[in-house]
Amino acid sequence: SGNFGNLTSGLIAKEMGAPISGFVAATNT
């Protein structure tokens, strides 16, 4: 994650019913 758009997209998928239990926000320094 950098600008966190990709992870926010994952949140949208989860809200829409994707079988996702959670996320790891993994960044560099």
mmCIF file of all heavy atoms, coordinates in Angstrom:
data_MODEL
# 
_entry.id   MODEL 
# 
loop_
_atom_site.group_PDB 
_atom_site.id 
_atom_site.type_symbol 
_atom_site.label_atom_id 
_atom_site.label_alt_id 
_atom_site.label_comp_id 
_atom_site.label_asym_id 
_atom_site.label_entity_id 
_atom_site.label_seq_id 
_atom_site.pdbx_PDB_ins_code 
_atom_site.Cartn_x 
_atom_site.Cartn_y 
_atom_site.Cartn_z 
_atom_site.occupancy 
_atom_site.B_iso_or_equiv 
_atom_site.pdbx_formal_charge 
_atom_site.auth_seq_id 
_atom_site.auth_comp_id 
_atom_site.auth_asym_id 
_atom_site.auth_atom_id 
_atom_site.pdbx_PDB_model_num 
ATOM 1   N N   . SER A 1 1  ? 0.817   -1.222  0.000  1.00 0.00 ? 1  SER A N   1 
ATOM 2   C CA  . SER A 1 1  ? 0.000   0.000   0.000  1.00 0.00 ? 1  SER A CA  1 
ATOM 3   C C   . SER A 1 1  ? 0.847   1.267   0.000  1.00 0.00 ? 1  SER A C   1 
ATOM 4   O O   . SER A 1 1  ? 1.822   1.377   0.733  1.00 0.00 ? 1  SER A O   1 
ATOM 5   C CB  . SER A 1 1  ? -0.916  0.011   1.234  1.00 0.00 ? 1  SER A CB  1 
ATOM 6   O OG  . SER A 1 1  ? -1.760  -1.130  1.245  1.00 0.00 ? 1  SER A OG  1 
ATOM 7   N N   . GLY A 1 2  ? 0.421   2.231   -0.831 1.00 0.00 ? 2  GLY A N   1 
ATOM 8   C CA  . GLY A 1 2  ? 1.062   3.538   -0.871 1.00 0.00 ? 2  GLY A CA  1 
ATOM 9   C C   . GLY A 1 2  ? 0.032   4.633   -0.695 1.00 0.00 ? 2  GLY A C   1 
ATOM 10  O O   . GLY A 1 2  ? -0.110  5.212   0.372  1.00 0.00 ? 2  GLY A O   1 
ATOM 11  N N   . ASN A 1 3  ? -0.745  4.872   -1.759 1.00 0.00 ? 3  ASN A N   1 
ATOM 12  C CA  . ASN A 1 3  ? -1.808  5.874   -1.697 1.00 0.00 ? 3  ASN A CA  1 
ATOM 13  C C   . ASN A 1 3  ? -3.109  5.286   -1.145 1.00 0.00 ? 3  ASN A C   1 
ATOM 14  O O   . ASN A 1 3  ? -4.089  5.994   -0.967 1.00 0.00 ? 3  ASN A O   1 
ATOM 15  C CB  . ASN A 1 3  ? -2.048  6.471   -3.083 1.00 0.00 ? 3  ASN A CB  1 
ATOM 16  C CG  . ASN A 1 3  ? -2.465  7.919   -3.036 1.00 0.00 ? 3  ASN A CG  1 
ATOM 17  O OD1 . ASN A 1 3  ? -2.220  8.625   -2.053 1.00 0.00 ? 3  ASN A OD1 1 
ATOM 18  N ND2 . ASN A 1 3  ? -3.092  8.383   -4.094 1.00 0.00 ? 3  ASN A ND2 1 
ATOM 19  N N   . PHE A 1 4  ? -3.126  3.994   -0.905 1.00 0.00 ? 4  PHE A N   1 
ATOM 20  C CA  . PHE A 1 4  ? -4.212  3.236   -0.281 1.00 0.00 ? 4  PHE A CA  1 
ATOM 21  C C   . PHE A 1 4  ? -5.488  3.177   -1.120 1.00 0.00 ? 4  PHE A C   1 
ATOM 22  O O   . PHE A 1 4  ? -6.551  2.827   -0.621 1.00 0.00 ? 4  PHE A O   1 
ATOM 23  C CB  . PHE A 1 4  ? -4.507  3.738   1.138  1.00 0.00 ? 4  PHE A CB  1 
ATOM 24  C CG  . PHE A 1 4  ? -3.587  3.102   2.156  1.00 0.00 ? 4  PHE A CG  1 
ATOM 25  C CD1 . PHE A 1 4  ? -2.275  3.515   2.277  1.00 0.00 ? 4  PHE A CD1 1 
ATOM 26  C CD2 . PHE A 1 4  ? -4.015  2.060   2.947  1.00 0.00 ? 4  PHE A CD2 1 
ATOM 27  C CE1 . PHE A 1 4  ? -1.397  2.910   3.164  1.00 0.00 ? 4  PHE A CE1 1 
ATOM 28  C CE2 . PHE A 1 4  ? -3.156  1.440   3.840  1.00 0.00 ? 4  PHE A CE2 1 
ATOM 29  C CZ  . PHE A 1 4  ? -1.850  1.870   3.958  1.00 0.00 ? 4  PHE A CZ  1 
ATOM 30  N N   . GLY A 1 5  ? -5.360  3.443   -2.423 1.00 0.00 ? 5  GLY A N   1 
ATOM 31  C CA  . GLY A 1 5  ? -6.501  3.241   -3.297 1.00 0.00 ? 5  GLY A CA  1 
ATOM 32  C C   . GLY A 1 5  ? -6.786  1.762   -3.482 1.00 0.00 ? 5  GLY A C   1 
ATOM 33  O O   . GLY A 1 5  ? -7.946  1.339   -3.486 1.00 0.00 ? 5  GLY A O   1 
ATOM 34  N N   . ASN A 1 6  ? -5.723  0.952   -3.640 1.00 0.00 ? 6  ASN A N   1 
ATOM 35  C CA  . ASN A 1 6  ? -5.912  -0.476  -3.868 1.00 0.00 ? 6  ASN A CA  1 
ATOM 36  C C   . ASN A 1 6  ? -6.606  -1.139  -2.681 1.00 0.00 ? 6  ASN A C   1 
ATOM 37  O O   . ASN A 1 6  ? -7.547  -1.922  -2.846 1.00 0.00 ? 6  ASN A O   1 
ATOM 38  C CB  . ASN A 1 6  ? -4.556  -1.131  -4.136 1.00 0.00 ? 6  ASN A CB  1 
ATOM 39  C CG  . ASN A 1 6  ? -4.675  -2.450  -4.870 1.00 0.00 ? 6  ASN A CG  1 
ATOM 40  O OD1 . ASN A 1 6  ? -5.748  -2.872  -5.271 1.00 0.00 ? 6  ASN A OD1 1 
ATOM 41  N ND2 . ASN A 1 6  ? -3.545  -3.101  -5.061 1.00 0.00 ? 6  ASN A ND2 1 
ATOM 42  N N   . LEU A 1 7  ? -6.169  -0.812  -1.484 1.00 0.00 ? 7  LEU A N   1 
ATOM 43  C CA  . LEU A 1 7  ? -6.797  -1.414  -0.312 1.00 0.00 ? 7  LEU A CA  1 
ATOM 44  C C   . LEU A 1 7  ? -8.250  -0.941  -0.160 1.00 0.00 ? 7  LEU A C   1 
ATOM 45  O O   . LEU A 1 7  ? -9.129  -1.721  0.205  1.00 0.00 ? 7  LEU A O   1 
ATOM 46  C CB  . LEU A 1 7  ? -5.991  -1.104  0.948  1.00 0.00 ? 7  LEU A CB  1 
ATOM 47  C CG  . LEU A 1 7  ? -6.265  -2.061  2.124  1.00 0.00 ? 7  LEU A CG  1 
ATOM 48  C CD1 . LEU A 1 7  ? -5.028  -2.189  3.004  1.00 0.00 ? 7  LEU A CD1 1 
ATOM 49  C CD2 . LEU A 1 7  ? -7.437  -1.614  2.958  1.00 0.00 ? 7  LEU A CD2 1 
ATOM 50  N N   . THR A 1 8  ? -8.501  0.337   -0.470 1.00 0.00 ? 8  THR A N   1 
ATOM 51  C CA  . THR A 1 8  ? -9.881  0.833   -0.410 1.00 0.00 ? 8  THR A CA  1 
ATOM 52  C C   . THR A 1 8  ? -10.764 0.081   -1.394 1.00 0.00 ? 8  THR A C   1 
ATOM 53  O O   . THR A 1 8  ? -11.941 -0.206  -1.103 1.00 0.00 ? 8  THR A O   1 
ATOM 54  C CB  . THR A 1 8  ? -9.915  2.343   -0.707 1.00 0.00 ? 8  THR A CB  1 
ATOM 55  O OG1 . THR A 1 8  ? -9.014  3.024   0.184  1.00 0.00 ? 8  THR A OG1 1 
ATOM 56  C CG2 . THR A 1 8  ? -11.312 2.915   -0.522 1.00 0.00 ? 8  THR A CG2 1 
ATOM 57  N N   . SER A 1 9  ? -10.222 -0.272  -2.558 1.00 0.00 ? 9  SER A N   1 
ATOM 58  C CA  . SER A 1 9  ? -10.974 -1.081  -3.516 1.00 0.00 ? 9  SER A CA  1 
ATOM 59  C C   . SER A 1 9  ? -11.325 -2.448  -2.922 1.00 0.00 ? 9  SER A C   1 
ATOM 60  O O   . SER A 1 9  ? -12.409 -2.983  -3.159 1.00 0.00 ? 9  SER A O   1 
ATOM 61  C CB  . SER A 1 9  ? -10.164 -1.262  -4.802 1.00 0.00 ? 9  SER A CB  1 
ATOM 62  O OG  . SER A 1 9  ? -9.915  -0.030  -5.432 1.00 0.00 ? 9  SER A OG  1 
ATOM 63  N N   . GLY A 1 10 ? -10.397 -3.009  -2.156 1.00 0.00 ? 10 GLY A N   1 
ATOM 64  C CA  . GLY A 1 10 ? -10.682 -4.276  -1.483 1.00 0.00 ? 10 GLY A CA  1 
ATOM 65  C C   . GLY A 1 10 ? -11.805 -4.141  -0.479 1.00 0.00 ? 10 GLY A C   1 
ATOM 66  O O   . GLY A 1 10 ? -12.634 -5.047  -0.327 1.00 0.00 ? 10 GLY A O   1 
ATOM 67  N N   . LEU A 1 11 ? -11.851 -3.014  0.210  1.00 0.00 ? 11 LEU A N   1 
ATOM 68  C CA  . LEU A 1 11 ? -12.938 -2.765  1.158  1.00 0.00 ? 11 LEU A CA  1 
ATOM 69  C C   . LEU A 1 11 ? -14.284 -2.718  0.441  1.00 0.00 ? 11 LEU A C   1 
ATOM 70  O O   . LEU A 1 11 ? -15.294 -3.220  0.952  1.00 0.00 ? 11 LEU A O   1 
ATOM 71  C CB  . LEU A 1 11 ? -12.687 -1.455  1.906  1.00 0.00 ? 11 LEU A CB  1 
ATOM 72  C CG  . LEU A 1 11 ? -11.450 -1.408  2.809  1.00 0.00 ? 11 LEU A CG  1 
ATOM 73  C CD1 . LEU A 1 11 ? -11.212 0.001   3.317  1.00 0.00 ? 11 LEU A CD1 1 
ATOM 74  C CD2 . LEU A 1 11 ? -11.603 -2.379  3.978  1.00 0.00 ? 11 LEU A CD2 1 
ATOM 75  N N   . ILE A 1 12 ? -14.295 -2.121  -0.747 1.00 0.00 ? 12 ILE A N   1 
ATOM 76  C CA  . ILE A 1 12 ? -15.538 -2.071  -1.532 1.00 0.00 ? 12 ILE A CA  1 
ATOM 77  C C   . ILE A 1 12 ? -15.988 -3.486  -1.884 1.00 0.00 ? 12 ILE A C   1 
ATOM 78  O O   . ILE A 1 12 ? -17.167 -3.826  -1.766 1.00 0.00 ? 12 ILE A O   1 
ATOM 79  C CB  . ILE A 1 12 ? -15.330 -1.223  -2.801 1.00 0.00 ? 12 ILE A CB  1 
ATOM 80  C CG1 . ILE A 1 12 ? -15.105 0.241   -2.424 1.00 0.00 ? 12 ILE A CG1 1 
ATOM 81  C CG2 . ILE A 1 12 ? -16.523 -1.352  -3.746 1.00 0.00 ? 12 ILE A CG2 1 
ATOM 82  C CD1 . ILE A 1 12 ? -14.676 1.124   -3.593 1.00 0.00 ? 12 ILE A CD1 1 
ATOM 83  N N   . ALA A 1 13 ? -15.048 -4.327  -2.330 1.00 0.00 ? 13 ALA A N   1 
ATOM 84  C CA  . ALA A 1 13 ? -15.395 -5.711  -2.663 1.00 0.00 ? 13 ALA A CA  1 
ATOM 85  C C   . ALA A 1 13 ? -15.951 -6.456  -1.456 1.00 0.00 ? 13 ALA A C   1 
ATOM 86  O O   . ALA A 1 13 ? -16.936 -7.196  -1.556 1.00 0.00 ? 13 ALA A O   1 
ATOM 87  C CB  . ALA A 1 13 ? -14.158 -6.439  -3.214 1.00 0.00 ? 13 ALA A CB  1 
ATOM 88  N N   . LYS A 1 14 ? -15.330 -6.266  -0.298 1.00 0.00 ? 14 LYS A N   1 
ATOM 89  C CA  . LYS A 1 14 ? -15.813 -6.914  0.928  1.00 0.00 ? 14 LYS A CA  1 
ATOM 90  C C   . LYS A 1 14 ? -17.226 -6.439  1.243  1.00 0.00 ? 14 LYS A C   1 
ATOM 91  O O   . LYS A 1 14 ? -18.096 -7.258  1.595  1.00 0.00 ? 14 LYS A O   1 
ATOM 92  C CB  . LYS A 1 14 ? -14.869 -6.621  2.089  1.00 0.00 ? 14 LYS A CB  1 
ATOM 93  C CG  . LYS A 1 14 ? -15.305 -7.212  3.433  1.00 0.00 ? 14 LYS A CG  1 
ATOM 94  C CD  . LYS A 1 14 ? -14.244 -6.987  4.496  1.00 0.00 ? 14 LYS A CD  1 
ATOM 95  C CE  . LYS A 1 14 ? -14.751 -7.335  5.894  1.00 0.00 ? 14 LYS A CE  1 
ATOM 96  N NZ  . LYS A 1 14 ? -15.198 -8.731  6.014  1.00 0.00 ? 14 LYS A NZ  1 
ATOM 97  N N   . GLU A 1 15 ? -17.467 -5.140  1.127  1.00 0.00 ? 15 GLU A N   1 
ATOM 98  C CA  . GLU A 1 15 ? -18.806 -4.607  1.391  1.00 0.00 ? 15 GLU A CA  1 
ATOM 99  C C   . GLU A 1 15 ? -19.842 -5.199  0.444  1.00 0.00 ? 15 GLU A C   1 
ATOM 100 O O   . GLU A 1 15 ? -21.010 -5.358  0.803  1.00 0.00 ? 15 GLU A O   1 
ATOM 101 C CB  . GLU A 1 15 ? -18.798 -3.080  1.265  1.00 0.00 ? 15 GLU A CB  1 
ATOM 102 C CG  . GLU A 1 15 ? -18.044 -2.345  2.360  1.00 0.00 ? 15 GLU A CG  1 
ATOM 103 C CD  . GLU A 1 15 ? -18.767 -2.398  3.697  1.00 0.00 ? 15 GLU A CD  1 
ATOM 104 O OE1 . GLU A 1 15 ? -19.986 -2.625  3.727  1.00 0.00 ? 15 GLU A OE1 1 
ATOM 105 O OE2 . GLU A 1 15 ? -18.091 -2.217  4.737  1.00 0.00 ? 15 GLU A OE2 1 
ATOM 106 N N   . MET A 1 16 ? -19.421 -5.543  -0.767 1.00 0.00 ? 16 MET A N   1 
ATOM 107 C CA  . MET A 1 16 ? -20.350 -6.076  -1.768 1.00 0.00 ? 16 MET A CA  1 
ATOM 108 C C   . MET A 1 16 ? -20.535 -7.585  -1.666 1.00 0.00 ? 16 MET A C   1 
ATOM 109 O O   . MET A 1 16 ? -21.284 -8.169  -2.453 1.00 0.00 ? 16 MET A O   1 
ATOM 110 C CB  . MET A 1 16 ? -19.884 -5.688  -3.167 1.00 0.00 ? 16 MET A CB  1 
ATOM 111 C CG  . MET A 1 16 ? -19.895 -4.191  -3.420 1.00 0.00 ? 16 MET A CG  1 
ATOM 112 S SD  . MET A 1 16 ? -19.504 -3.746  -5.126 1.00 0.00 ? 16 MET A SD  1 
ATOM 113 C CE  . MET A 1 16 ? -21.067 -4.196  -5.950 1.00 0.00 ? 16 MET A CE  1 
ATOM 114 N N   . GLY A 1 17 ? -19.857 -8.214  -0.709 1.00 0.00 ? 17 GLY A N   1 
ATOM 115 C CA  . GLY A 1 17 ? -20.091 -9.636  -0.473 1.00 0.00 ? 17 GLY A CA  1 
ATOM 116 C C   . GLY A 1 17 ? -18.934 -10.559 -0.763 1.00 0.00 ? 17 GLY A C   1 
ATOM 117 O O   . GLY A 1 17 ? -19.088 -11.778 -0.663 1.00 0.00 ? 17 GLY A O   1 
ATOM 118 N N   . ALA A 1 18 ? -17.776 -10.045 -1.128 1.00 0.00 ? 18 ALA A N   1 
ATOM 119 C CA  . ALA A 1 18 ? -16.623 -10.916 -1.361 1.00 0.00 ? 18 ALA A CA  1 
ATOM 120 C C   . ALA A 1 18 ? -16.277 -11.673 -0.079 1.00 0.00 ? 18 ALA A C   1 
ATOM 121 O O   . ALA A 1 18 ? -16.318 -11.101 1.011  1.00 0.00 ? 18 ALA A O   1 
ATOM 122 C CB  . ALA A 1 18 ? -15.418 -10.093 -1.812 1.00 0.00 ? 18 ALA A CB  1 
ATOM 123 N N   . PRO A 1 19 ? -15.940 -12.968 -0.191 1.00 0.00 ? 19 PRO A N   1 
ATOM 124 C CA  . PRO A 1 19 ? -15.625 -13.761 1.007  1.00 0.00 ? 19 PRO A CA  1 
ATOM 125 C C   . PRO A 1 19 ? -14.234 -13.443 1.547  1.00 0.00 ? 19 PRO A C   1 
ATOM 126 O O   . PRO A 1 19 ? -13.334 -14.282 1.562  1.00 0.00 ? 19 PRO A O   1 
ATOM 127 C CB  . PRO A 1 19 ? -15.728 -15.203 0.495  1.00 0.00 ? 19 PRO A CB  1 
ATOM 128 C CG  . PRO A 1 19 ? -15.357 -15.101 -0.953 1.00 0.00 ? 19 PRO A CG  1 
ATOM 129 C CD  . PRO A 1 19 ? -15.903 -13.781 -1.425 1.00 0.00 ? 19 PRO A CD  1 
ATOM 130 N N   . ILE A 1 20 ? -14.071 -12.210 1.995  1.00 0.00 ? 20 ILE A N   1 
ATOM 131 C CA  . ILE A 1 20 ? -12.799 -11.733 2.539  1.00 0.00 ? 20 ILE A CA  1 
ATOM 132 C C   . ILE A 1 20 ? -12.986 -11.464 4.029  1.00 0.00 ? 20 ILE A C   1 
ATOM 133 O O   . ILE A 1 20 ? -13.895 -10.734 4.420  1.00 0.00 ? 20 ILE A O   1 
ATOM 134 C CB  . ILE A 1 20 ? -12.358 -10.430 1.830  1.00 0.00 ? 20 ILE A CB  1 
ATOM 135 C CG1 . ILE A 1 20 ? -12.096 -10.689 0.334  1.00 0.00 ? 20 ILE A CG1 1 
ATOM 136 C CG2 . ILE A 1 20 ? -11.118 -9.846  2.494  1.00 0.00 ? 20 ILE A CG2 1 
ATOM 137 C CD1 . ILE A 1 20 ? -11.882 -9.426  -0.480 1.00 0.00 ? 20 ILE A CD1 1 
ATOM 138 N N   . SER A 1 21 ? -12.142 -12.076 4.841  1.00 0.00 ? 21 SER A N   1 
ATOM 139 C CA  . SER A 1 21 ? -12.243 -11.887 6.295  1.00 0.00 ? 21 SER A CA  1 
ATOM 140 C C   . SER A 1 21 ? -11.532 -10.643 6.777  1.00 0.00 ? 21 SER A C   1 
ATOM 141 O O   . SER A 1 21 ? -11.929 -10.031 7.772  1.00 0.00 ? 21 SER A O   1 
ATOM 142 C CB  . SER A 1 21 ? -11.689 -13.112 7.029  1.00 0.00 ? 21 SER A CB  1 
ATOM 143 O OG  . SER A 1 21 ? -12.484 -14.248 6.759  1.00 0.00 ? 21 SER A OG  1 
ATOM 144 N N   . GLY A 1 22 ? -10.450 -10.261 6.100  1.00 0.00 ? 22 GLY A N   1 
ATOM 145 C CA  . GLY A 1 22 ? -9.705  -9.097  6.545  1.00 0.00 ? 22 GLY A CA  1 
ATOM 146 C C   . GLY A 1 22 ? -8.581  -8.748  5.609  1.00 0.00 ? 22 GLY A C   1 
ATOM 147 O O   . GLY A 1 22 ? -8.414  -9.352  4.533  1.00 0.00 ? 22 GLY A O   1 
ATOM 148 N N   . PHE A 1 23 ? -7.791  -7.771  6.021  1.00 0.00 ? 23 PHE A N   1 
ATOM 149 C CA  . PHE A 1 23 ? -6.730  -7.220  5.188  1.00 0.00 ? 23 PHE A CA  1 
ATOM 150 C C   . PHE A 1 23 ? -5.470  -7.017  6.020  1.00 0.00 ? 23 PHE A C   1 
ATOM 151 O O   . PHE A 1 23 ? -5.541  -6.840  7.231  1.00 0.00 ? 23 PHE A O   1 
ATOM 152 C CB  . PHE A 1 23 ? -7.148  -5.862  4.610  1.00 0.00 ? 23 PHE A CB  1 
ATOM 153 C CG  . PHE A 1 23 ? -8.390  -5.917  3.758  1.00 0.00 ? 23 PHE A CG  1 
ATOM 154 C CD1 . PHE A 1 23 ? -9.655  -5.838  4.327  1.00 0.00 ? 23 PHE A CD1 1 
ATOM 155 C CD2 . PHE A 1 23 ? -8.283  -6.054  2.376  1.00 0.00 ? 23 PHE A CD2 1 
ATOM 156 C CE1 . PHE A 1 23 ? -10.793 -5.898  3.545  1.00 0.00 ? 23 PHE A CE1 1 
ATOM 157 C CE2 . PHE A 1 23 ? -9.414  -6.109  1.585  1.00 0.00 ? 23 PHE A CE2 1 
ATOM 158 C CZ  . PHE A 1 23 ? -10.675 -6.027  2.167  1.00 0.00 ? 23 PHE A CZ  1 
ATOM 159 N N   . VAL A 1 24 ? -4.343  -7.017  5.329  1.00 0.00 ? 24 VAL A N   1 
ATOM 160 C CA  . VAL A 1 24 ? -3.092  -6.558  5.918  1.00 0.00 ? 24 VAL A CA  1 
ATOM 161 C C   . VAL A 1 24 ? -2.644  -5.335  5.126  1.00 0.00 ? 24 VAL A C   1 
ATOM 162 O O   . VAL A 1 24 ? -2.431  -5.414  3.907  1.00 0.00 ? 24 VAL A O   1 
ATOM 163 C CB  . VAL A 1 24 ? -1.992  -7.631  5.873  1.00 0.00 ? 24 VAL A CB  1 
ATOM 164 C CG1 . VAL A 1 24 ? -0.699  -7.080  6.478  1.00 0.00 ? 24 VAL A CG1 1 
ATOM 165 C CG2 . VAL A 1 24 ? -2.440  -8.887  6.600  1.00 0.00 ? 24 VAL A CG2 1 
ATOM 166 N N   . ALA A 1 25 ? -2.570  -4.198  5.791  1.00 0.00 ? 25 ALA A N   1 
ATOM 167 C CA  . ALA A 1 25 ? -2.051  -2.977  5.173  1.00 0.00 ? 25 ALA A CA  1 
ATOM 168 C C   . ALA A 1 25 ? -0.535  -3.024  5.310  1.00 0.00 ? 25 ALA A C   1 
ATOM 169 O O   . ALA A 1 25 ? 0.002   -2.843  6.402  1.00 0.00 ? 25 ALA A O   1 
ATOM 170 C CB  . ALA A 1 25 ? -2.624  -1.743  5.868  1.00 0.00 ? 25 ALA A CB  1 
ATOM 171 N N   . ALA A 1 26 ? 0.155   -3.304  4.199  1.00 0.00 ? 26 ALA A N   1 
ATOM 172 C CA  . ALA A 1 26 ? 1.592   -3.530  4.221  1.00 0.00 ? 26 ALA A CA  1 
ATOM 173 C C   . ALA A 1 26 ? 2.296   -2.397  3.487  1.00 0.00 ? 26 ALA A C   1 
ATOM 174 O O   . ALA A 1 26 ? 2.124   -2.240  2.274  1.00 0.00 ? 26 ALA A O   1 
ATOM 175 C CB  . ALA A 1 26 ? 1.918   -4.870  3.568  1.00 0.00 ? 26 ALA A CB  1 
ATOM 176 N N   . THR A 1 27 ? 3.082   -1.610  4.212  1.00 0.00 ? 27 THR A N   1 
ATOM 177 C CA  . THR A 1 27 ? 3.751   -0.471  3.598  1.00 0.00 ? 27 THR A CA  1 
ATOM 178 C C   . THR A 1 27 ? 5.267   -0.601  3.699  1.00 0.00 ? 27 THR A C   1 
ATOM 179 O O   . THR A 1 27 ? 5.794   -1.457  4.417  1.00 0.00 ? 27 THR A O   1 
ATOM 180 C CB  . THR A 1 27 ? 3.331   0.860   4.264  1.00 0.00 ? 27 THR A CB  1 
ATOM 181 O OG1 . THR A 1 27 ? 4.017   1.016   5.504  1.00 0.00 ? 27 THR A OG1 1 
ATOM 182 C CG2 . THR A 1 27 ? 1.828   0.932   4.493  1.00 0.00 ? 27 THR A CG2 1 
ATOM 183 N N   . ASN A 1 28 ? 5.941   0.279   2.965  1.00 0.00 ? 28 ASN A N   1 
ATOM 184 C CA  . ASN A 1 28 ? 7.384   0.401   3.140  1.00 0.00 ? 28 ASN A CA  1 
ATOM 185 C C   . ASN A 1 28 ? 7.667   1.399   4.267  1.00 0.00 ? 28 ASN A C   1 
ATOM 186 O O   . ASN A 1 28 ? 6.817   1.596   5.143  1.00 0.00 ? 28 ASN A O   1 
ATOM 187 C CB  . ASN A 1 28 ? 8.061   0.784   1.811  1.00 0.00 ? 28 ASN A CB  1 
ATOM 188 C CG  . ASN A 1 28 ? 7.489   2.072   1.212  1.00 0.00 ? 28 ASN A CG  1 
ATOM 189 O OD1 . ASN A 1 28 ? 6.959   2.930   1.923  1.00 0.00 ? 28 ASN A OD1 1 
ATOM 190 N ND2 . ASN A 1 28 ? 7.593   2.206   -0.093 1.00 0.00 ? 28 ASN A ND2 1 
ATOM 191 N N   . THR A 1 29 ? 8.808   2.058   4.239  1.00 0.00 ? 29 THR A N   1 
ATOM 192 C CA  . THR A 1 29 ? 9.167   2.983   5.319  1.00 0.00 ? 29 THR A CA  1 
ATOM 193 C C   . THR A 1 29 ? 8.185   4.149   5.441  1.00 0.00 ? 29 THR A C   1 
ATOM 194 O O   . THR A 1 29 ? 8.118   4.800   6.490  1.00 0.00 ? 29 THR A O   1 
ATOM 195 C CB  . THR A 1 29 ? 10.604  3.505   5.092  1.00 0.00 ? 29 THR A CB  1 
ATOM 196 O OG1 . THR A 1 29 ? 11.479  2.377   4.928  1.00 0.00 ? 29 THR A OG1 1 
ATOM 197 C CG2 . THR A 1 29 ? 11.097  4.319   6.274  1.00 0.00 ? 29 THR A CG2 1 
# 
